[in-house]
C-alpha cells in the first residue's frame, strides 16, 4: 500500500510503552487481531483502546479467529470490528462475505 501513500508499522502490542513507541504523527489507526493468527498472541484490547483514545487514533480489531462467541472487542472500547463470515461464523465454506461492526453512531 506504500505506493498509495499508506505507511504502516508492525509492532508487538504487549504493553503500553511498545504501543506508544510505535505511534508517530501520521498514525491514524491501530489494527489488532487477537488472538493473532498464526502465533496466537493475545492483545489487551482495553489497553490498546485506551492508548488510542489518548492519541485520537481509530482502533480496528479483526475478530475472525475468536468470533463474537468468545470476544466482543466493542466491549473493550475498540471502534470497529471486522469479521470474515467465510470462516468461523459460517463454518461450511459455502459463503463468501464479511462484516464490519461498530457501536459509534454515524455523524449527523
PDB file of N, CA and C in Angstrom:
ATOM      1  N   UNK A   1       0.812  -1.205   0.000  1.00  0.00           N
ATOM      2  CA  UNK A   1       0.000   0.000   0.000  1.00  0.00           C
ATOM      3  C   UNK A   1       0.855   1.270   0.000  1.00  0.00           C
ATOM      4  N   UNK A   2       2.159   1.117   0.115  1.00  0.00           N
ATOM      5  CA  UNK A   2       3.023   2.299   0.151  1.00  0.00           C
ATOM      6  C   UNK A   2       2.930   3.118  -1.128  1.00  0.00           C
ATOM      7  N   UNK A   3       2.638   2.476  -2.253  1.00  0.00           N
ATOM      8  CA  UNK A   3       2.527   3.238  -3.499  1.00  0.00           C
ATOM      9  C   UNK A   3       1.308   4.165  -3.489  1.00  0.00           C
ATOM     10  N   UNK A   4       0.402   3.954  -2.549  1.00  0.00           N
ATOM     11  CA  UNK A   4      -0.768   4.824  -2.377  1.00  0.00           C
ATOM     12  C   UNK A   4      -0.560   5.810  -1.229  1.00  0.00           C
ATOM     13  N   UNK A   5       0.653   5.865  -0.690  1.00  0.00           N
ATOM     14  CA  UNK A   5       0.960   6.803   0.382  1.00  0.00           C
ATOM     15  C   UNK A   5       0.581   6.305   1.767  1.00  0.00           C
ATOM     16  N   UNK A   6       0.276   5.030   1.885  1.00  0.00           N
ATOM     17  CA  UNK A   6      -0.099   4.474   3.177  1.00  0.00           C
ATOM     18  C   UNK A   6       1.146   3.887   3.840  1.00  0.00           C
ATOM     19  N   UNK A   7       1.433   4.383   5.022  1.00  0.00           N
ATOM     20  CA  UNK A   7       2.565   3.890   5.798  1.00  0.00           C
ATOM     21  C   UNK A   7       2.042   2.945   6.872  1.00  0.00           C
ATOM     22  N   UNK A   8       2.861   2.002   7.298  1.00  0.00           N
ATOM     23  CA  UNK A   8       2.448   1.114   8.370  1.00  0.00           C
ATOM     24  C   UNK A   8       3.656   0.690   9.184  1.00  0.00           C
ATOM     25  N   UNK A   9       3.374   0.293  10.410  1.00  0.00           N
ATOM     26  CA  UNK A   9       4.398  -0.168  11.332  1.00  0.00           C
ATOM     27  C   UNK A   9       3.904  -1.445  11.973  1.00  0.00           C
ATOM     28  N   UNK A  10       4.720  -2.485  11.941  1.00  0.00           N
ATOM     29  CA  UNK A  10       4.386  -3.711  12.658  1.00  0.00           C
ATOM     30  C   UNK A  10       5.005  -3.609  14.044  1.00  0.00           C
ATOM     31  N   UNK A  11       4.230  -3.917  15.062  1.00  0.00           N
ATOM     32  CA  UNK A  11       4.756  -3.868  16.421  1.00  0.00           C
ATOM     33  C   UNK A  11       4.045  -4.872  17.307  1.00  0.00           C
ATOM     34  N   UNK A  12       4.711  -5.285  18.355  1.00  0.00           N
ATOM     35  CA  UNK A  12       4.071  -6.120  19.362  1.00  0.00           C
ATOM     36  C   UNK A  12       3.265  -5.187  20.259  1.00  0.00           C
ATOM     37  N   UNK A  13       2.035  -5.535  20.500  1.00  0.00           N
ATOM     38  CA  UNK A  13       1.155  -4.701  21.324  1.00  0.00           C
ATOM     39  C   UNK A  13       1.081  -5.261  22.741  1.00  0.00           C
ATOM     40  N   UNK A  14       2.247  -5.611  23.288  1.00  0.00           N
ATOM     41  CA  UNK A  14       2.287  -6.324  24.560  1.00  0.00           C
ATOM     42  C   UNK A  14       2.245  -5.426  25.784  1.00  0.00           C
ATOM     43  N   UNK A  15       2.563  -4.133  25.624  1.00  0.00           N
ATOM     44  CA  UNK A  15       2.492  -3.215  26.764  1.00  0.00           C
ATOM     45  C   UNK A  15       2.330  -1.787  26.256  1.00  0.00           C
ATOM     46  N   UNK A  16       2.031  -0.888  27.164  1.00  0.00           N
ATOM     47  CA  UNK A  16       1.747   0.492  26.768  1.00  0.00           C
ATOM     48  C   UNK A  16       2.945   1.146  26.089  1.00  0.00           C
ATOM     49  N   UNK A  17       4.148   0.896  26.592  1.00  0.00           N
ATOM     50  CA  UNK A  17       5.335   1.511  26.002  1.00  0.00           C
ATOM     51  C   UNK A  17       5.518   1.091  24.543  1.00  0.00           C
ATOM     52  N   UNK A  18       5.351  -0.182  24.250  1.00  0.00           N
ATOM     53  CA  UNK A  18       5.540  -0.626  22.863  1.00  0.00           C
ATOM     54  C   UNK A  18       4.491  -0.015  21.938  1.00  0.00           C
ATOM     55  N   UNK A  19       3.286   0.189  22.448  1.00  0.00           N
ATOM     56  CA  UNK A  19       2.241   0.822  21.631  1.00  0.00           C
ATOM     57  C   UNK A  19       2.582   2.293  21.415  1.00  0.00           C
ATOM     58  N   UNK A  20       2.896   2.998  22.511  1.00  0.00           N
ATOM     59  CA  UNK A  20       3.231   4.425  22.405  1.00  0.00           C
ATOM     60  C   UNK A  20       4.440   4.646  21.493  1.00  0.00           C
ATOM     61  N   UNK A  21       5.450   3.782  21.604  1.00  0.00           N
ATOM     62  CA  UNK A  21       6.665   3.935  20.789  1.00  0.00           C
ATOM     63  C   UNK A  21       6.401   3.739  19.300  1.00  0.00           C
ATOM     64  N   UNK A  22       5.339   3.035  18.947  1.00  0.00           N
ATOM     65  CA  UNK A  22       5.053   2.791  17.531  1.00  0.00           C
ATOM     66  C   UNK A  22       4.162   3.875  16.915  1.00  0.00           C
ATOM     67  N   UNK A  23       3.644   4.764  17.735  1.00  0.00           N
ATOM     68  CA  UNK A  23       2.792   5.851  17.243  1.00  0.00           C
ATOM     69  C   UNK A  23       3.659   7.009  16.767  1.00  0.00           C
ATOM     70  N   UNK A  24       3.331   7.522  15.582  1.00  0.00           N
ATOM     71  CA  UNK A  24       4.031   8.692  15.074  1.00  0.00           C
ATOM     72  C   UNK A  24       2.984   9.722  14.641  1.00  0.00           C
ATOM     73  N   UNK A  25       3.396  10.907  14.231  1.00  0.00           N
ATOM     74  CA  UNK A  25       2.415  11.949  13.868  1.00  0.00           C
ATOM     75  C   UNK A  25       1.470  11.558  12.732  1.00  0.00           C
ATOM     76  N   UNK A  26       1.818  10.547  11.950  1.00  0.00           N
ATOM     77  CA  UNK A  26       0.973  10.124  10.833  1.00  0.00           C
ATOM     78  C   UNK A  26       0.028   8.980  11.200  1.00  0.00           C
ATOM     79  N   UNK A  27       0.132   8.456  12.406  1.00  0.00           N
ATOM     80  CA  UNK A  27      -0.681   7.304  12.802  1.00  0.00           C
ATOM     81  C   UNK A  27      -2.153   7.691  12.880  1.00  0.00           C
ATOM     82  N   UNK A  28      -2.978   6.955  12.126  1.00  0.00           N
ATOM     83  CA  UNK A  28      -4.420   7.204  12.088  1.00  0.00           C
ATOM     84  C   UNK A  28      -5.225   6.018  12.611  1.00  0.00           C
ATOM     85  N   UNK A  29      -4.598   4.835  12.653  1.00  0.00           N
ATOM     86  CA  UNK A  29      -5.327   3.628  13.018  1.00  0.00           C
ATOM     87  C   UNK A  29      -4.395   2.617  13.672  1.00  0.00           C
ATOM     88  N   UNK A  30      -4.944   1.897  14.645  1.00  0.00           N
ATOM     89  CA  UNK A  30      -4.255   0.737  15.205  1.00  0.00           C
ATOM     90  C   UNK A  30      -5.128  -0.468  14.882  1.00  0.00           C
ATOM     91  N   UNK A  31      -4.537  -1.412  14.171  1.00  0.00           N
ATOM     92  CA  UNK A  31      -5.234  -2.626  13.743  1.00  0.00           C
ATOM     93  C   UNK A  31      -4.711  -3.789  14.577  1.00  0.00           C
ATOM     94  N   UNK A  32      -5.615  -4.539  15.185  1.00  0.00           N
ATOM     95  CA  UNK A  32      -5.209  -5.684  16.005  1.00  0.00           C
ATOM     96  C   UNK A  32      -5.979  -6.928  15.589  1.00  0.00           C
ATOM     97  N   UNK A  33      -5.389  -8.055  15.908  1.00  0.00           N
ATOM     98  CA  UNK A  33      -6.053  -9.337  15.744  1.00  0.00           C
ATOM     99  C   UNK A  33      -5.722 -10.131  17.004  1.00  0.00           C
ATOM    100  N   UNK A  34      -6.740 -10.515  17.747  1.00  0.00           N
ATOM    101  CA  UNK A  34      -6.476 -11.256  18.971  1.00  0.00           C
ATOM    102  C   UNK A  34      -7.492 -12.375  19.144  1.00  0.00           C
ATOM    103  N   UNK A  35      -7.050 -13.597  19.314  1.00  0.00           N
ATOM    104  CA  UNK A  35      -5.643 -13.975  19.224  1.00  0.00           C
ATOM    105  C   UNK A  35      -5.141 -13.832  17.792  1.00  0.00           C
ATOM    106  N   UNK A  36      -3.848 -13.556  17.694  1.00  0.00           N
ATOM    107  CA  UNK A  36      -3.280 -13.373  16.358  1.00  0.00           C
ATOM    108  C   UNK A  36      -3.170 -14.723  15.660  1.00  0.00           C
ATOM    109  N   UNK A  37      -3.168 -14.668  14.356  1.00  0.00           N
ATOM    110  CA  UNK A  37      -3.057 -15.879  13.566  1.00  0.00           C
ATOM    111  C   UNK A  37      -1.789 -15.755  12.725  1.00  0.00           C
ATOM    112  N   UNK A  38      -0.827 -16.605  12.839  1.00  0.00           N
ATOM    113  CA  UNK A  38      -0.866 -17.957  13.377  1.00  0.00           C
ATOM    114  C   UNK A  38      -0.250 -18.105  14.772  1.00  0.00           C
ATOM    115  N   UNK A  39       0.316 -17.021  15.360  1.00  0.00           N
ATOM    116  CA  UNK A  39       1.089 -17.166  16.602  1.00  0.00           C
ATOM    117  C   UNK A  39       0.243 -17.230  17.880  1.00  0.00           C
ATOM    118  N   UNK A  40      -1.029 -16.884  17.778  1.00  0.00           N
ATOM    119  CA  UNK A  40      -1.951 -16.909  18.915  1.00  0.00           C
ATOM    120  C   UNK A  40      -1.552 -15.958  20.037  1.00  0.00           C
ATOM    121  N   UNK A  41      -0.934 -14.819  19.681  1.00  0.00           N
ATOM    122  CA  UNK A  41      -0.635 -13.793  20.675  1.00  0.00           C
ATOM    123  C   UNK A  41      -1.940 -13.145  21.122  1.00  0.00           C
ATOM    124  N   UNK A  42      -2.056 -12.890  22.412  1.00  0.00           N
ATOM    125  CA  UNK A  42      -3.242 -12.243  22.965  1.00  0.00           C
ATOM    126  C   UNK A  42      -2.920 -10.775  23.208  1.00  0.00           C
ATOM    127  N   UNK A  43      -3.785  -9.892  22.731  1.00  0.00           N
ATOM    128  CA  UNK A  43      -3.608  -8.455  22.893  1.00  0.00           C
ATOM    129  C   UNK A  43      -4.623  -7.928  23.888  1.00  0.00           C
ATOM    130  N   UNK A  44      -4.172  -7.069  24.786  1.00  0.00           N
ATOM    131  CA  UNK A  44      -5.043  -6.417  25.752  1.00  0.00           C
ATOM    132  C   UNK A  44      -5.826  -5.323  25.023  1.00  0.00           C
ATOM    133  N   UNK A  45      -7.032  -5.632  24.616  1.00  0.00           N
ATOM    134  CA  UNK A  45      -7.834  -4.694  23.821  1.00  0.00           C
ATOM    135  C   UNK A  45      -8.167  -3.417  24.589  1.00  0.00           C
ATOM    136  N   UNK A  46      -8.382  -3.535  25.881  1.00  0.00           N
ATOM    137  CA  UNK A  46      -8.681  -2.358  26.698  1.00  0.00           C
ATOM    138  C   UNK A  46      -7.480  -1.401  26.726  1.00  0.00           C
ATOM    139  N   UNK A  47      -6.277  -1.948  26.822  1.00  0.00           N
ATOM    140  CA  UNK A  47      -5.064  -1.131  26.804  1.00  0.00           C
ATOM    141  C   UNK A  47      -4.895  -0.450  25.457  1.00  0.00           C
ATOM    142  N   UNK A  48      -5.045  -1.200  24.377  1.00  0.00           N
ATOM    143  CA  UNK A  48      -4.925  -0.627  23.035  1.00  0.00           C
ATOM    144  C   UNK A  48      -5.935   0.492  22.841  1.00  0.00           C
ATOM    145  N   UNK A  49      -7.156   0.255  23.244  1.00  0.00           N
ATOM    146  CA  UNK A  49      -8.209   1.256  23.121  1.00  0.00           C
ATOM    147  C   UNK A  49      -7.882   2.516  23.918  1.00  0.00           C
ATOM    148  N   UNK A  50      -7.392   2.337  25.130  1.00  0.00           N
ATOM    149  CA  UNK A  50      -7.054   3.469  25.995  1.00  0.00           C
ATOM    150  C   UNK A  50      -5.950   4.327  25.387  1.00  0.00           C
ATOM    151  N   UNK A  51      -4.880   3.685  24.926  1.00  0.00           N
ATOM    152  CA  UNK A  51      -3.770   4.417  24.309  1.00  0.00           C
ATOM    153  C   UNK A  51      -4.249   5.122  23.041  1.00  0.00           C
ATOM    154  N   UNK A  52      -5.049   4.449  22.253  1.00  0.00           N
ATOM    155  CA  UNK A  52      -5.556   5.039  21.013  1.00  0.00           C
ATOM    156  C   UNK A  52      -6.436   6.254  21.304  1.00  0.00           C
ATOM    157  N   UNK A  53      -7.303   6.148  22.289  1.00  0.00           N
ATOM    158  CA  UNK A  53      -8.175   7.278  22.631  1.00  0.00           C
ATOM    159  C   UNK A  53      -7.357   8.478  23.091  1.00  0.00           C
ATOM    160  N   UNK A  54      -6.312   8.240  23.889  1.00  0.00           N
ATOM    161  CA  UNK A  54      -5.442   9.329  24.348  1.00  0.00           C
ATOM    162  C   UNK A  54      -4.781  10.044  23.169  1.00  0.00           C
ATOM    163  N   UNK A  55      -4.535   9.314  22.093  1.00  0.00           N
ATOM    164  CA  UNK A  55      -3.855   9.866  20.922  1.00  0.00           C
ATOM    165  C   UNK A  55      -4.799  10.157  19.753  1.00  0.00           C
ATOM    166  N   UNK A  56      -6.107  10.045  20.006  1.00  0.00           N
ATOM    167  CA  UNK A  56      -7.136  10.294  18.989  1.00  0.00           C
ATOM    168  C   UNK A  56      -6.909   9.452  17.730  1.00  0.00           C
ATOM    169  N   UNK A  57      -6.723   8.142  17.949  1.00  0.00           N
ATOM    170  CA  UNK A  57      -6.459   7.198  16.870  1.00  0.00           C
ATOM    171  C   UNK A  57      -7.595   6.174  16.829  1.00  0.00           C
ATOM    172  N   UNK A  58      -8.039   5.846  15.643  1.00  0.00           N
ATOM    173  CA  UNK A  58      -9.071   4.840  15.417  1.00  0.00           C
ATOM    174  C   UNK A  58      -8.515   3.445  15.708  1.00  0.00           C
ATOM    175  N   UNK A  59      -9.340   2.584  16.311  1.00  0.00           N
ATOM    176  CA  UNK A  59      -8.927   1.198  16.545  1.00  0.00           C
ATOM    177  C   UNK A  59      -9.827   0.249  15.762  1.00  0.00           C
ATOM    178  N   UNK A  60      -9.194  -0.788  15.210  1.00  0.00           N
ATOM    179  CA  UNK A  60      -9.913  -1.811  14.453  1.00  0.00           C
ATOM    180  C   UNK A  60      -9.412  -3.173  14.922  1.00  0.00           C
ATOM    181  N   UNK A  61     -10.339  -4.074  15.196  1.00  0.00           N
ATOM    182  CA  UNK A  61      -9.969  -5.433  15.588  1.00  0.00           C
ATOM    183  C   UNK A  61     -10.517  -6.419  14.570  1.00  0.00           C
ATOM    184  N   UNK A  62      -9.621  -7.247  14.046  1.00  0.00           N
ATOM    185  CA  UNK A  62     -10.046  -8.365  13.210  1.00  0.00           C
ATOM    186  C   UNK A  62     -10.415  -9.478  14.180  1.00  0.00           C
ATOM    187  N   UNK A  63     -11.693  -9.769  14.278  1.00  0.00           N
ATOM    188  CA  UNK A  63     -12.201 -10.736  15.255  1.00  0.00           C
ATOM    189  C   UNK A  63     -12.605 -12.053  14.594  1.00  0.00           C
ATOM    190  N   UNK A  64     -12.062 -12.316  13.414  1.00  0.00           N
ATOM    191  CA  UNK A  64     -12.415 -13.518  12.668  1.00  0.00           C
ATOM    192  C   UNK A  64     -12.071 -14.789  13.441  1.00  0.00           C
ATOM    193  N   UNK A  65     -10.872 -14.831  13.996  1.00  0.00           N
ATOM    194  CA  UNK A  65     -10.385 -16.062  14.611  1.00  0.00           C
ATOM    195  C   UNK A  65     -11.145 -16.407  15.890  1.00  0.00           C
ATOM    196  N   UNK A  66     -11.416 -15.415  16.729  1.00  0.00           N
ATOM    197  CA  UNK A  66     -12.086 -15.715  18.003  1.00  0.00           C
ATOM    198  C   UNK A  66     -13.608 -15.672  17.877  1.00  0.00           C
ATOM    199  N   UNK A  67     -14.119 -14.937  16.953  1.00  0.00           N
ATOM    200  CA  UNK A  67     -15.550 -14.727  16.717  1.00  0.00           C
ATOM    201  C   UNK A  67     -16.217 -14.020  17.892  1.00  0.00           C
ATOM    202  N   UNK A  68     -17.432 -13.595  17.675  1.00  0.00           N
ATOM    203  CA  UNK A  68     -18.173 -12.889  18.729  1.00  0.00           C
ATOM    204  C   UNK A  68     -18.598 -13.816  19.850  1.00  0.00           C
ATOM    205  N   UNK A  69     -18.491 -15.086  19.633  1.00  0.00           N
ATOM    206  CA  UNK A  69     -18.831 -16.043  20.691  1.00  0.00           C
ATOM    207  C   UNK A  69     -17.849 -15.941  21.853  1.00  0.00           C
ATOM    208  N   UNK A  70     -16.565 -15.700  21.531  1.00  0.00           N
ATOM    209  CA  UNK A  70     -15.530 -15.666  22.556  1.00  0.00           C
ATOM    210  C   UNK A  70     -15.109 -14.259  22.974  1.00  0.00           C
ATOM    211  N   UNK A  71     -15.041 -13.331  22.026  1.00  0.00           N
ATOM    212  CA  UNK A  71     -14.556 -11.982  22.324  1.00  0.00           C
ATOM    213  C   UNK A  71     -15.459 -10.956  21.649  1.00  0.00           C
ATOM    214  N   UNK A  72     -15.787  -9.913  22.391  1.00  0.00           N
ATOM    215  CA  UNK A  72     -16.581  -8.802  21.864  1.00  0.00           C
ATOM    216  C   UNK A  72     -15.745  -7.522  22.001  1.00  0.00           C
ATOM    217  N   UNK A  73     -14.906  -7.224  20.995  1.00  0.00           N
ATOM    218  CA  UNK A  73     -13.985  -6.094  21.093  1.00  0.00           C
ATOM    219  C   UNK A  73     -14.649  -4.745  21.373  1.00  0.00           C
ATOM    220  N   UNK A  74     -15.886  -4.556  20.926  1.00  0.00           N
ATOM    221  CA  UNK A  74     -16.567  -3.287  21.205  1.00  0.00           C
ATOM    222  C   UNK A  74     -16.706  -3.061  22.713  1.00  0.00           C
ATOM    223  N   UNK A  75     -16.839  -4.134  23.479  1.00  0.00           N
ATOM    224  CA  UNK A  75     -16.957  -4.026  24.935  1.00  0.00           C
ATOM    225  C   UNK A  75     -15.682  -3.512  25.582  1.00  0.00           C
ATOM    226  N   UNK A  76     -14.569  -3.564  24.857  1.00  0.00           N
ATOM    227  CA  UNK A  76     -13.278  -3.104  25.379  1.00  0.00           C
ATOM    228  C   UNK A  76     -12.879  -1.752  24.806  1.00  0.00           C
ATOM    229  N   UNK A  77     -13.799  -1.101  24.082  1.00  0.00           N
ATOM    230  CA  UNK A  77     -13.547   0.234  23.560  1.00  0.00           C
ATOM    231  C   UNK A  77     -13.016   0.292  22.149  1.00  0.00           C
ATOM    232  N   UNK A  78     -12.930  -0.833  21.462  1.00  0.00           N
ATOM    233  CA  UNK A  78     -12.472  -0.848  20.073  1.00  0.00           C
ATOM    234  C   UNK A  78     -13.539  -0.181  19.202  1.00  0.00           C
ATOM    235  N   UNK A  79     -13.129   0.641  18.234  1.00  0.00           N
ATOM    236  CA  UNK A  79     -14.073   1.393  17.402  1.00  0.00           C
ATOM    237  C   UNK A  79     -14.771   0.560  16.339  1.00  0.00           C
ATOM    238  N   UNK A  80     -14.009  -0.260  15.621  1.00  0.00           N
ATOM    239  CA  UNK A  80     -14.566  -1.071  14.538  1.00  0.00           C
ATOM    240  C   UNK A  80     -14.101  -2.514  14.699  1.00  0.00           C
ATOM    241  N   UNK A  81     -14.992  -3.443  14.398  1.00  0.00           N
ATOM    242  CA  UNK A  81     -14.654  -4.863  14.451  1.00  0.00           C
ATOM    243  C   UNK A  81     -14.984  -5.461  13.091  1.00  0.00           C
ATOM    244  N   UNK A  82     -14.034  -6.190  12.535  1.00  0.00           N
ATOM    245  CA  UNK A  82     -14.265  -6.839  11.241  1.00  0.00           C
ATOM    246  C   UNK A  82     -14.250  -8.355  11.420  1.00  0.00           C
ATOM    247  N   UNK A  83     -15.066  -9.008  10.623  1.00  0.00           N
ATOM    248  CA  UNK A  83     -15.179 -10.463  10.651  1.00  0.00           C
ATOM    249  C   UNK A  83     -15.172 -10.982   9.222  1.00  0.00           C
ATOM    250  N   UNK A  84     -14.502 -12.083   9.000  1.00  0.00           N
ATOM    251  CA  UNK A  84     -14.674 -12.810   7.757  1.00  0.00           C
ATOM    252  C   UNK A  84     -15.774 -13.823   8.015  1.00  0.00           C
ATOM    253  N   UNK A  85     -16.922 -13.618   7.407  1.00  0.00           N
ATOM    254  CA  UNK A  85     -18.036 -14.547   7.629  1.00  0.00           C
ATOM    255  C   UNK A  85     -17.829 -15.850   6.865  1.00  0.00           C
ATOM    256  N   UNK A  86     -16.803 -15.873   6.004  1.00  0.00           N
ATOM    257  CA  UNK A  86     -16.483 -17.087   5.246  1.00  0.00           C
ATOM    258  C   UNK A  86     -15.915 -18.165   6.156  1.00  0.00           C
ATOM    259  N   UNK A  87     -15.288 -17.752   7.237  1.00  0.00           N
ATOM    260  CA  UNK A  87     -14.559 -18.694   8.082  1.00  0.00           C
ATOM    261  C   UNK A  87     -15.417 -19.158   9.253  1.00  0.00           C
ATOM    262  N   UNK A  88     -15.015 -18.832  10.450  1.00  0.00           N
ATOM    263  CA  UNK A  88     -15.610 -19.388  11.667  1.00  0.00           C
ATOM    264  C   UNK A  88     -17.124 -19.161  11.780  1.00  0.00           C
ATOM    265  N   UNK A  89     -17.581 -17.970  11.455  1.00  0.00           N
ATOM    266  CA  UNK A  89     -19.014 -17.674  11.609  1.00  0.00           C
ATOM    267  C   UNK A  89     -19.882 -18.551  10.710  1.00  0.00           C
ATOM    268  N   UNK A  90     -19.425 -18.808   9.492  1.00  0.00           N
ATOM    269  CA  UNK A  90     -20.191 -19.633   8.573  1.00  0.00           C
ATOM    270  C   UNK A  90     -19.950 -21.114   8.854  1.00  0.00           C
ATOM    271  N   UNK A  91     -18.697 -21.491   8.925  1.00  0.00           N
ATOM    272  CA  UNK A  91     -18.348 -22.854   9.284  1.00  0.00           C
ATOM    273  C   UNK A  91     -18.432 -23.886   8.187  1.00  0.00           C
ATOM    274  N   UNK A  92     -19.005 -23.548   7.036  1.00  0.00           N
ATOM    275  CA  UNK A  92     -19.185 -24.542   5.984  1.00  0.00           C
ATOM    276  C   UNK A  92     -18.432 -24.198   4.703  1.00  0.00           C
ATOM    277  N   UNK A  93     -17.801 -23.039   4.661  1.00  0.00           N
ATOM    278  CA  UNK A  93     -17.050 -22.570   3.495  1.00  0.00           C
ATOM    279  C   UNK A  93     -17.910 -22.468   2.237  1.00  0.00           C
ATOM    280  N   UNK A  94     -19.203 -22.273   2.405  1.00  0.00           N
ATOM    281  CA  UNK A  94     -20.065 -22.119   1.244  1.00  0.00           C
ATOM    282  C   UNK A  94     -20.606 -20.688   1.116  1.00  0.00           C
ATOM    283  N   UNK A  95     -20.065 -19.783   1.914  1.00  0.00           N
ATOM    284  CA  UNK A  95     -20.466 -18.384   1.871  1.00  0.00           C
ATOM    285  C   UNK A  95     -19.204 -17.540   1.795  1.00  0.00           C
ATOM    286  N   UNK A  96     -19.226 -16.517   0.972  1.00  0.00           N
ATOM    287  CA  UNK A  96     -18.122 -15.575   0.914  1.00  0.00           C
ATOM    288  C   UNK A  96     -18.663 -14.242   1.391  1.00  0.00           C
ATOM    289  N   UNK A  97     -18.056 -13.723   2.429  1.00  0.00           N
ATOM    290  CA  UNK A  97     -18.549 -12.457   2.934  1.00  0.00           C
ATOM    291  C   UNK A  97     -17.738 -11.944   4.093  1.00  0.00           C
ATOM    292  N   UNK A  98     -18.152 -10.816   4.580  1.00  0.00           N
ATOM    293  CA  UNK A  98     -17.512 -10.194   5.724  1.00  0.00           C
ATOM    294  C   UNK A  98     -18.467  -9.209   6.368  1.00  0.00           C
ATOM    295  N   UNK A  99     -18.097  -8.756   7.532  1.00  0.00           N
ATOM    296  CA  UNK A  99     -18.923  -7.804   8.257  1.00  0.00           C
ATOM    297  C   UNK A  99     -18.032  -6.835   9.008  1.00  0.00           C
ATOM    298  N   UNK A 100     -18.466  -5.590   9.061  1.00  0.00           N
ATOM    299  CA  UNK A 100     -17.824  -4.583   9.896  1.00  0.00           C
ATOM    300  C   UNK A 100     -18.861  -4.061  10.860  1.00  0.00           C
ATOM    301  N   UNK A 101     -18.505  -4.031  12.146  1.00  0.00           N
ATOM    302  CA  UNK A 101     -19.448  -3.667  13.204  1.00  0.00           C
ATOM    303  C   UNK A 101     -18.868  -2.528  14.023  1.00  0.00           C
ATOM    304  N   UNK A 102     -19.718  -1.608  14.438  1.00  0.00           N
ATOM    305  CA  UNK A 102     -19.303  -0.515  15.296  1.00  0.00           C
ATOM    306  C   UNK A 102     -20.424  -0.168  16.269  1.00  0.00           C
ATOM    307  N   UNK A 103     -20.056   0.460  17.364  1.00  0.00           N
ATOM    308  CA  UNK A 103     -21.072   0.954  18.293  1.00  0.00           C
ATOM    309  C   UNK A 103     -21.147   2.465  18.230  1.00  0.00           C
ATOM    310  N   UNK A 104     -20.324   3.071  17.361  1.00  0.00           N
ATOM    311  CA  UNK A 104     -20.282   4.519  17.211  1.00  0.00           C
ATOM    312  C   UNK A 104     -21.386   4.973  16.268  1.00  0.00           C
ATOM    313  N   UNK A 105     -22.244   5.879  16.716  1.00  0.00           N
ATOM    314  CA  UNK A 105     -23.285   6.361  15.804  1.00  0.00           C
ATOM    315  C   UNK A 105     -22.685   7.164  14.645  1.00  0.00           C
ATOM    316  N   UNK A 106     -23.325   7.154  13.503  1.00  0.00           N
ATOM    317  CA  UNK A 106     -22.818   7.922  12.362  1.00  0.00           C
ATOM    318  C   UNK A 106     -22.902   9.412  12.648  1.00  0.00           C
ATOM    319  N   UNK A 107     -22.032  10.208  12.021  1.00  0.00           N
ATOM    320  CA  UNK A 107     -22.092  11.663  12.228  1.00  0.00           C
ATOM    321  C   UNK A 107     -23.396  12.237  11.680  1.00  0.00           C
ATOM    322  N   UNK A 108     -23.823  13.324  12.276  1.00  0.00           N
ATOM    323  CA  UNK A 108     -25.062  13.992  11.818  1.00  0.00           C
ATOM    324  C   UNK A 108     -24.861  14.696  10.512  1.00  0.00           C
TER     325      UNK A 108
END
